[in-house]
Amino acid sequence: MRLNNLRKTKHPLMTSLLLGGAALGAQPSLATEIAIACGSGDAADYCPTVAKEWAEKTGNDVKVVSTPNATTEKLSLFQQLLNSQSSDVDVMMIDIVWPGMLAKHLIDLSQYLPEDASEGFFPELIDNNTVDGRLVAMPWYTDAGMLYYRTDLLEKHGHAVPETWEELTRIATQVQAAERQAGNEDFWGYSFQGRAYEGLTTNALEWVASHGGGTIIDSDGKVTIDNPQAAQALDRAAAWIGTISPEGTLNHTEEKTRGIFQSGNALFLRNWPYVWALANGEGSEVAGKVGMAPLPHGPDGESAAALGGWNFAVSRYSEHPQLATELVAYITARAQQKDHALAKGMNPTIESLYQDEEVLQHNPAMSDLYETLTHGVTRPATVTGDAYARVSNAFFNTTHRVLSGELEGDEAVEQLQNQLERLGRRNW
């Protein structure tokens, strides 16, 4: 029997955070308590709900561990816990780019799950969560970069949804000029995330991959960024700043760009699927006038959407790895993922749910999203392991210098190639 109290820890930060967690479910005398670090803890966090369901069905207890909202702070906390080999948290909700960084501290779930446990999930997500042949996390929900557009304005000005970046640039330029002439001086053609942070890594990866320029580092760990297609992609994006995208784009993140689009001041927006419900919701200036499509591509590539999302992993230092894995399997099972999609509009990681009539009736955009997810591009996080944070930092900072006009594309990719090769000199 485990008493429902805090396990011993040597870290005051961890202690304060853990004390903020709330025990869920009944506590029978023979129950085992599993501590799970969920998501943001706000109304959108469905993890505590399904964790409570599991506890009630199995007769065990769950303790929901409070963690910081900011992703970087959450990662820092998890790294402290794992590096100290703490058993205070059994199950962790981890970002899609963390498996490679945390793998040595996580159990191989395939040792505790049935052989077919990963069947039905998007293969790209299972591959992303498999490090050196070890399945270290199960996918919970996913994201992919999407193009949002104003259906009314495209119709008004006689344009179709762009399929290439060249078309997007041309249409955005024309509609922006027309709308400003009609009186909206704050109108822009294209809004995207250009701040020097992980969001710019996803945007720039999409530009490069969709121009046929590769994925920065390939699956074998070889740096591939120094090529003409990648340089062309970065130069094209730099030309948007101050023309079809505001100068402020250099400091814009997801919510700022959503605000511009949702207030009626942009024709096109690159963002994640969560925007669909908000842009069409009550109080939105563009409700009922929004379309969603795959991102455009360059002349030598295909549409590419960076994959995002969250997964569940079990700490190697858990005292109950089998039970913790059973909780992960329950949360990520088809039934719970369907409930998550219906209750919160989140995107499942099980392919068949994109053909589920009830899910599609609740959110028709899911059918459009499916094709994008099947061609999603993963960031080179698994192959670079612990070095990924430095890889991404180098990529988004160099890209930001191109957007700012400090570097040309060909200079940038050459510098980045050399910098990343130095980082990977020891095979990551």
Protein backbone atom coordinates (compact mmCIF):
# COMPACT_ATOMS: atom_id res chain seq x y z
CA MET A 1 0.00 0.00 0.00
CA ARG A 2 1.24 3.48 -0.81
CA LEU A 3 0.12 6.30 1.45
CA ASN A 4 -1.40 9.30 -0.27
CA ASN A 5 1.39 11.69 0.58
CA LEU A 6 4.39 13.25 -1.13
CA ARG A 7 7.32 10.99 -1.82
CA LYS A 8 10.67 12.18 -0.60
CA THR A 9 12.56 14.60 -2.85
CA LYS A 10 15.77 16.56 -2.47
CA HIS A 11 14.59 19.40 -4.71
CA PRO A 12 12.59 22.28 -3.14
CA LEU A 13 11.23 23.32 -6.59
CA MET A 14 9.92 19.85 -7.21
CA THR A 15 8.46 19.67 -3.72
CA SER A 16 6.47 22.88 -4.13
CA LEU A 17 5.18 21.84 -7.53
CA LEU A 18 4.22 18.39 -6.40
CA LEU A 19 2.38 19.74 -3.39
CA GLY A 20 0.28 21.73 -5.86
CA GLY A 21 -1.07 18.50 -7.41
CA ALA A 22 -4.51 17.25 -6.53
CA ALA A 23 -5.29 13.63 -5.72
CA LEU A 24 -8.10 12.28 -7.88
CA GLY A 25 -10.48 9.40 -7.40
CA ALA A 26 -11.26 7.17 -4.48
CA GLN A 27 -8.48 5.87 -2.26
CA PRO A 28 -9.15 2.28 -1.25
CA SER A 29 -6.73 0.78 1.23
CA LEU A 30 -5.09 -1.50 -1.35
CA ALA A 31 -4.85 1.13 -4.08
CA THR A 32 -1.59 2.02 -5.74
CA GLU A 33 -0.99 5.68 -6.45
CA ILE A 34 0.36 6.76 -9.82
CA ALA A 35 1.59 10.34 -10.14
CA ILE A 36 0.98 11.88 -13.55
CA ALA A 37 2.20 15.22 -14.85
CA CYS A 38 -0.51 16.42 -17.23
CA GLY A 39 -0.79 19.52 -19.38
CA SER A 40 -1.49 23.17 -18.69
CA GLY A 41 -4.00 22.52 -15.91
CA ASP A 42 -6.56 24.88 -17.46
CA ALA A 43 -10.00 24.07 -18.84
CA ALA A 44 -8.48 22.64 -22.03
CA ASP A 45 -6.46 20.03 -20.13
CA TYR A 46 -8.36 16.75 -20.54
CA CYS A 47 -5.64 14.59 -19.01
CA PRO A 48 -6.91 14.80 -15.38
CA THR A 49 -10.38 13.74 -16.54
CA VAL A 50 -9.23 10.52 -18.21
CA ALA A 51 -6.73 9.83 -15.44
CA LYS A 52 -9.60 9.97 -12.95
CA GLU A 53 -11.64 7.61 -15.14
CA TRP A 54 -8.78 5.10 -15.10
CA ALA A 55 -8.43 5.35 -11.33
CA GLU A 56 -12.13 4.75 -10.78
CA LYS A 57 -12.20 1.77 -13.17
CA THR A 58 -9.10 0.10 -11.78
CA GLY A 59 -9.44 0.92 -8.10
CA ASN A 60 -6.11 2.75 -8.04
CA ASP A 61 -5.30 6.35 -7.19
CA VAL A 62 -3.83 9.09 -9.34
CA LYS A 63 -2.06 12.23 -8.21
CA VAL A 64 -2.02 15.02 -10.79
CA VAL A 65 1.27 16.86 -10.52
CA SER A 66 1.29 20.59 -11.08
CA THR A 67 3.84 21.75 -13.65
CA PRO A 68 4.70 25.11 -15.21
CA ASN A 69 2.58 26.23 -18.18
CA ALA A 70 5.59 27.30 -20.26
CA THR A 71 7.00 24.43 -22.31
CA THR A 72 10.64 25.29 -21.62
CA GLU A 73 10.01 25.46 -17.86
CA LYS A 74 8.12 22.17 -17.97
CA LEU A 75 11.04 20.51 -19.74
CA SER A 76 13.45 21.94 -17.18
CA LEU A 77 11.39 20.48 -14.33
CA PHE A 78 11.23 17.05 -15.98
CA GLN A 79 14.98 17.11 -16.58
CA GLN A 80 15.59 17.90 -12.90
CA LEU A 81 13.32 15.07 -11.80
CA LEU A 82 14.84 12.55 -14.19
CA ASN A 83 18.46 13.52 -13.68
CA SER A 84 18.00 13.05 -9.95
CA GLN A 85 16.36 9.65 -10.63
CA SER A 86 13.34 10.81 -8.64
CA SER A 87 10.33 8.50 -8.40
CA ASP A 88 8.00 11.41 -7.63
CA VAL A 89 6.41 11.31 -11.09
CA ASP A 90 5.50 8.07 -12.85
CA VAL A 91 3.87 9.36 -16.05
CA MET A 92 4.84 12.51 -17.95
CA MET A 93 3.11 14.36 -20.75
CA ILE A 94 5.97 15.25 -23.11
CA ASP A 95 6.28 17.41 -26.20
CA ILE A 96 6.84 15.82 -29.61
CA VAL A 97 10.45 17.05 -29.70
CA TRP A 98 11.45 15.65 -26.28
CA PRO A 99 11.72 11.86 -26.81
CA GLY A 100 15.29 12.07 -28.08
CA MET A 101 16.32 14.37 -25.22
CA LEU A 102 14.71 12.31 -22.45
CA ALA A 103 14.95 8.77 -23.89
CA LYS A 104 17.63 7.47 -21.54
CA HIS A 105 15.36 8.25 -18.59
CA LEU A 106 12.21 6.65 -20.04
CA ILE A 107 11.13 3.01 -20.11
CA ASP A 108 10.62 1.04 -23.29
CA LEU A 109 6.82 0.86 -23.33
CA SER A 110 6.87 -2.05 -25.77
CA GLN A 111 8.17 -4.26 -22.96
CA TYR A 112 4.92 -3.74 -21.06
CA LEU A 113 2.39 -3.36 -23.89
CA PRO A 114 0.92 -5.94 -26.30
CA GLU A 115 2.79 -6.37 -29.58
CA ASP A 116 0.06 -4.59 -31.55
CA ALA A 117 -0.18 -1.62 -29.17
CA SER A 118 1.15 0.88 -31.71
CA GLU A 119 -1.05 -0.28 -34.61
CA GLY A 120 -3.49 2.29 -35.93
CA PHE A 121 -1.44 5.30 -34.84
CA PHE A 122 0.13 7.61 -37.40
CA PRO A 123 3.40 5.84 -38.27
CA GLU A 124 5.32 9.13 -38.29
CA LEU A 125 4.40 9.69 -34.65
CA ILE A 126 5.40 6.20 -33.57
CA ASP A 127 8.70 6.63 -35.43
CA ASN A 128 9.22 9.98 -33.72
CA ASN A 129 8.72 8.34 -30.31
CA THR A 130 11.01 5.40 -31.05
CA VAL A 131 14.62 6.03 -30.04
CA ASP A 132 17.25 3.39 -30.78
CA GLY A 133 14.50 0.82 -31.26
CA ARG A 134 12.81 1.69 -27.95
CA LEU A 135 9.23 3.01 -27.87
CA VAL A 136 9.59 5.69 -25.20
CA ALA A 137 6.21 7.45 -25.55
CA MET A 138 2.67 6.92 -26.87
CA PRO A 139 1.03 9.70 -28.94
CA TRP A 140 -1.84 11.55 -27.22
CA TYR A 141 -2.87 14.29 -29.63
CA THR A 142 -1.20 15.84 -32.64
CA ASP A 143 -0.92 19.12 -34.50
CA ALA A 144 0.25 20.19 -37.93
CA GLY A 145 0.85 23.55 -39.53
CA MET A 146 -2.14 24.68 -41.62
CA LEU A 147 -3.05 27.56 -43.92
CA TYR A 148 -6.12 29.54 -42.87
CA TYR A 149 -7.75 31.89 -45.35
CA ARG A 150 -10.68 34.28 -45.71
CA THR A 151 -13.21 32.56 -47.95
CA ASP A 152 -15.21 35.77 -48.48
CA LEU A 153 -12.21 37.81 -49.60
CA LEU A 154 -10.89 35.19 -52.01
CA GLU A 155 -14.35 35.03 -53.58
CA LYS A 156 -14.70 38.81 -53.61
CA HIS A 157 -11.42 39.31 -55.44
CA GLY A 158 -11.71 36.27 -57.68
CA HIS A 159 -8.91 34.07 -56.37
CA ALA A 160 -8.61 30.36 -55.60
CA VAL A 161 -6.82 28.95 -52.57
CA PRO A 162 -3.07 29.11 -53.35
CA GLU A 163 -1.19 25.86 -53.85
CA THR A 164 2.30 27.38 -54.14
CA TRP A 165 4.14 30.03 -52.14
CA GLU A 166 4.44 32.08 -55.33
CA GLU A 167 0.65 32.08 -55.69
CA LEU A 168 0.18 32.99 -52.03
CA THR A 169 2.57 35.93 -52.40
CA ARG A 170 0.85 37.21 -55.53
CA ILE A 171 -2.70 36.85 -54.16
CA ALA A 172 -1.77 38.32 -50.78
CA THR A 173 -0.19 41.34 -52.48
CA GLN A 174 -3.23 42.01 -54.65
CA VAL A 175 -5.89 41.54 -51.98
CA GLN A 176 -3.91 43.53 -49.41
CA ALA A 177 -3.70 46.49 -51.79
CA ALA A 178 -7.41 46.29 -52.64
CA GLU A 179 -8.55 46.04 -49.01
CA ARG A 180 -6.37 48.96 -47.96
CA GLN A 181 -7.71 51.02 -50.82
CA ALA A 182 -11.20 50.13 -49.59
CA GLY A 183 -10.39 51.62 -46.19
CA ASN A 184 -8.74 48.96 -44.01
CA GLU A 185 -5.24 50.41 -43.59
CA ASP A 186 -4.34 47.71 -41.05
CA PHE A 187 -4.94 44.84 -43.47
CA TRP A 188 -2.13 42.39 -44.27
CA GLY A 189 -1.79 39.58 -46.76
CA TYR A 190 -0.07 36.94 -44.64
CA SER A 191 0.44 36.43 -40.92
CA PHE A 192 2.93 33.88 -39.54
CA GLN A 193 5.14 33.25 -36.51
CA GLY A 194 8.48 35.00 -37.02
CA ARG A 195 9.85 35.43 -33.52
CA ALA A 196 13.17 33.70 -32.76
CA TYR A 197 11.74 30.67 -30.93
CA GLU A 198 10.61 27.09 -31.60
CA GLY A 199 7.61 28.35 -33.56
CA LEU A 200 9.95 29.81 -36.17
CA THR A 201 11.71 26.45 -36.42
CA THR A 202 8.40 24.86 -37.44
CA ASN A 203 7.60 27.60 -39.96
CA ALA A 204 11.05 27.57 -41.53
CA LEU A 205 11.15 23.78 -41.65
CA GLU A 206 7.89 23.91 -43.62
CA TRP A 207 9.33 26.48 -46.04
CA VAL A 208 12.52 24.50 -46.60
CA ALA A 209 10.89 21.06 -46.89
CA SER A 210 8.17 22.37 -49.22
CA HIS A 211 10.86 23.75 -51.54
CA GLY A 212 12.56 20.36 -51.72
CA GLY A 213 15.33 21.50 -49.38
CA GLY A 214 15.16 18.60 -46.92
CA THR A 215 14.58 18.57 -43.17
CA ILE A 216 17.73 20.33 -41.84
CA ILE A 217 19.19 17.00 -40.68
CA ASP A 218 18.20 13.69 -42.25
CA SER A 219 17.20 10.48 -40.48
CA ASP A 220 20.83 9.26 -40.50
CA GLY A 221 22.03 12.35 -38.67
CA LYS A 222 23.59 14.04 -41.73
CA VAL A 223 23.25 17.82 -41.92
CA THR A 224 21.54 18.72 -45.21
CA ILE A 225 20.56 22.38 -44.85
CA ASP A 226 23.18 23.87 -47.23
CA ASN A 227 21.38 23.60 -50.56
CA PRO A 228 19.91 26.08 -53.09
CA GLN A 229 16.29 25.11 -52.37
CA ALA A 230 16.68 25.87 -48.65
CA ALA A 231 18.33 29.20 -49.43
CA GLN A 232 15.54 30.09 -51.85
CA ALA A 233 12.89 29.24 -49.24
CA LEU A 234 14.45 31.53 -46.64
CA ASP A 235 14.90 34.38 -49.11
CA ARG A 236 11.26 34.09 -50.17
CA ALA A 237 10.08 34.36 -46.57
CA ALA A 238 12.34 37.35 -45.93
CA ALA A 239 10.70 39.15 -48.86
CA TRP A 240 7.33 38.93 -47.08
CA ILE A 241 8.46 41.11 -44.16
CA GLY A 242 7.24 44.66 -44.64
CA THR A 243 5.38 43.76 -47.85
CA ILE A 244 2.59 41.23 -47.19
CA SER A 245 3.55 40.64 -43.52
CA PRO A 246 4.04 43.37 -40.91
CA GLU A 247 7.49 44.26 -39.58
CA GLY A 248 6.17 43.11 -36.21
CA THR A 249 6.14 39.55 -37.54
CA LEU A 250 9.74 39.35 -36.32
CA ASN A 251 8.31 39.19 -32.80
CA HIS A 252 5.00 37.39 -33.45
CA THR A 253 4.03 34.07 -31.87
CA GLU A 254 0.91 31.94 -32.38
CA GLU A 255 -1.58 34.00 -30.41
CA LYS A 256 -0.52 37.34 -31.86
CA THR A 257 -0.94 36.02 -35.39
CA ARG A 258 -4.32 34.49 -34.51
CA GLY A 259 -5.42 37.85 -33.17
CA ILE A 260 -4.51 39.63 -36.41
CA PHE A 261 -6.41 37.12 -38.52
CA GLN A 262 -9.39 36.77 -36.20
CA SER A 263 -9.87 40.54 -36.01
CA GLY A 264 -10.28 40.62 -39.79
CA ASN A 265 -6.86 42.09 -40.61
CA ALA A 266 -5.22 39.28 -42.60
CA LEU A 267 -6.06 37.26 -45.69
CA PHE A 268 -3.87 34.25 -44.90
CA LEU A 269 -2.60 32.79 -41.61
CA ARG A 270 -0.23 29.96 -40.82
CA ASN A 271 -1.11 28.37 -37.49
CA TRP A 272 -2.09 25.13 -35.75
CA PRO A 273 -5.50 23.40 -35.92
CA TYR A 274 -6.67 24.86 -32.59
CA VAL A 275 -7.39 28.12 -34.40
CA TRP A 276 -10.30 26.64 -36.36
CA ALA A 277 -12.76 26.56 -33.47
CA LEU A 278 -11.68 29.95 -32.13
CA ALA A 279 -11.79 31.73 -35.48
CA ASN A 280 -15.30 30.39 -36.07
CA GLY A 281 -16.44 30.91 -32.50
CA GLU A 282 -18.55 33.52 -30.78
CA GLY A 283 -17.01 36.97 -30.85
CA SER A 284 -14.76 36.29 -33.83
CA GLU A 285 -14.87 38.96 -36.53
CA VAL A 286 -14.36 36.30 -39.21
CA ALA A 287 -16.69 33.54 -37.97
CA GLY A 288 -18.19 31.66 -40.91
CA LYS A 289 -15.69 33.23 -43.32
CA VAL A 290 -12.71 30.96 -42.64
CA GLY A 291 -11.27 28.15 -44.70
CA MET A 292 -8.42 25.76 -43.90
CA ALA A 293 -6.06 24.10 -46.38
CA PRO A 294 -2.62 22.47 -46.61
CA LEU A 295 0.28 24.88 -46.64
CA PRO A 296 1.62 25.88 -50.05
CA HIS A 297 4.78 24.45 -51.62
CA GLY A 298 7.69 25.70 -53.67
CA PRO A 299 8.45 24.92 -57.32
CA ASP A 300 10.48 21.80 -56.47
CA GLY A 301 8.59 20.39 -53.51
CA GLU A 302 5.30 19.30 -52.01
CA SER A 303 3.21 20.75 -49.21
CA ALA A 304 4.90 20.13 -45.87
CA ALA A 305 3.42 20.63 -42.41
CA ALA A 306 5.54 20.46 -39.29
CA LEU A 307 4.07 18.02 -36.80
CA GLY A 308 3.38 19.09 -33.25
CA GLY A 309 1.58 17.47 -30.35
CA TRP A 310 2.02 15.73 -27.01
CA ASN A 311 2.72 12.21 -25.83
CA PHE A 312 2.79 10.18 -22.62
CA ALA A 313 5.94 8.53 -21.29
CA VAL A 314 6.84 6.57 -18.16
CA SER A 315 9.88 7.41 -16.05
CA ARG A 316 12.55 4.71 -15.66
CA TYR A 317 12.51 5.57 -11.97
CA SER A 318 8.83 4.79 -11.45
CA GLU A 319 8.24 2.22 -8.74
CA HIS A 320 5.27 0.86 -10.71
CA PRO A 321 6.21 0.81 -14.42
CA GLN A 322 3.60 -1.78 -15.40
CA LEU A 323 0.73 0.11 -13.79
CA ALA A 324 2.03 3.43 -15.11
CA THR A 325 2.15 1.97 -18.62
CA GLU A 326 -1.42 0.73 -18.24
CA LEU A 327 -2.48 4.30 -17.44
CA VAL A 328 -0.67 5.55 -20.56
CA ALA A 329 -2.35 2.87 -22.67
CA TYR A 330 -5.77 3.81 -21.28
CA ILE A 331 -5.38 7.54 -21.92
CA THR A 332 -4.12 7.07 -25.48
CA ALA A 333 -6.63 4.35 -26.45
CA ARG A 334 -9.12 4.99 -29.24
CA ALA A 335 -12.15 5.55 -27.00
CA GLN A 336 -10.40 8.17 -24.89
CA GLN A 337 -8.92 9.90 -27.93
CA LYS A 338 -12.40 10.12 -29.44
CA ASP A 339 -13.76 11.64 -26.24
CA HIS A 340 -10.86 14.11 -26.28
CA ALA A 341 -11.68 15.11 -29.86
CA LEU A 342 -15.37 15.58 -29.06
CA ALA A 343 -14.89 17.37 -25.76
CA LYS A 344 -11.94 19.61 -26.62
CA GLY A 345 -11.59 19.47 -30.40
CA MET A 346 -8.10 18.02 -30.16
CA ASN A 347 -6.64 16.03 -33.05
CA PRO A 348 -6.35 12.26 -32.46
CA THR A 349 -3.21 10.29 -33.19
CA ILE A 350 -5.21 7.23 -34.32
CA GLU A 351 -5.89 7.37 -38.04
CA SER A 352 -9.34 5.73 -38.07
CA LEU A 353 -10.83 8.53 -35.97
CA TYR A 354 -10.51 10.84 -38.96
CA GLN A 355 -13.21 8.75 -40.64
CA ASP A 356 -15.41 8.53 -37.54
CA GLU A 357 -18.84 10.01 -38.35
CA GLU A 358 -19.39 11.48 -34.90
CA VAL A 359 -15.96 13.13 -34.85
CA LEU A 360 -16.46 14.57 -38.35
CA GLN A 361 -19.93 15.83 -37.51
CA HIS A 362 -18.50 17.62 -34.48
CA ASN A 363 -15.56 19.05 -36.44
CA PRO A 364 -15.77 18.76 -40.26
CA ALA A 365 -12.25 20.20 -40.58
CA MET A 366 -10.86 16.89 -39.31
CA SER A 367 -11.25 15.33 -42.76
CA ASP A 368 -9.13 18.08 -44.34
CA LEU A 369 -6.54 17.74 -41.60
CA TYR A 370 -6.05 14.02 -42.16
CA GLU A 371 -4.26 14.41 -45.49
CA THR A 372 -1.97 17.02 -43.99
CA LEU A 373 -1.06 14.79 -41.07
CA THR A 374 -0.22 11.85 -43.32
CA HIS A 375 2.40 14.05 -45.02
CA GLY A 376 3.61 15.70 -41.83
CA VAL A 377 7.28 16.53 -41.32
CA THR A 378 8.92 15.81 -37.99
CA ARG A 379 11.61 18.06 -36.60
CA PRO A 380 15.05 16.37 -36.32
CA ALA A 381 14.62 15.87 -32.59
CA THR A 382 14.86 12.11 -32.28
CA VAL A 383 18.03 11.76 -34.35
CA THR A 384 19.82 14.62 -32.56
CA GLY A 385 18.78 13.58 -29.03
CA ASP A 386 20.14 15.83 -26.29
CA ALA A 387 21.48 18.26 -28.90
CA TYR A 388 18.08 19.12 -30.39
CA ALA A 389 17.56 22.28 -28.34
CA ARG A 390 20.87 23.65 -29.65
CA VAL A 391 20.03 22.54 -33.20
CA SER A 392 16.67 24.31 -33.11
CA ASN A 393 18.19 27.39 -31.47
CA ALA A 394 20.78 27.64 -34.25
CA PHE A 395 18.14 27.15 -36.93
CA PHE A 396 15.61 29.69 -35.70
CA ASN A 397 18.23 32.32 -34.83
CA THR A 398 19.86 32.04 -38.26
CA THR A 399 16.44 32.12 -39.95
CA HIS A 400 15.53 35.19 -37.92
CA ARG A 401 18.65 36.95 -39.19
CA VAL A 402 17.51 36.25 -42.76
CA LEU A 403 14.02 37.59 -42.03
CA SER A 404 15.61 40.67 -40.43
CA GLY A 405 17.71 41.35 -43.52
CA GLU A 406 21.05 40.63 -41.84
CA LEU A 407 21.84 37.58 -43.99
CA GLU A 408 21.05 36.32 -47.47
CA GLY A 409 19.68 32.80 -47.76
CA ASP A 410 22.83 31.28 -49.27
CA GLU A 411 25.03 32.79 -46.55
CA ALA A 412 22.64 31.56 -43.87
CA VAL A 413 22.47 27.94 -44.97
CA GLU A 414 26.26 27.76 -45.39
CA GLN A 415 26.83 29.14 -41.88
CA LEU A 416 24.15 26.89 -40.45
CA GLN A 417 25.62 23.81 -42.14
CA ASN A 418 29.01 24.47 -40.54
CA GLN A 419 27.51 25.22 -37.14
CA LEU A 420 25.36 22.08 -37.09
CA GLU A 421 28.18 19.87 -38.33
CA ARG A 422 30.28 21.07 -35.41
CA LEU A 423 27.41 20.29 -33.03
CA GLY A 424 27.01 16.79 -34.49
CA ARG A 425 30.70 15.98 -34.68
CA ARG A 426 30.27 13.22 -32.10
CA ASN A 427 27.29 11.73 -33.94
CA TRP A 428 24.89 13.69 -31.77
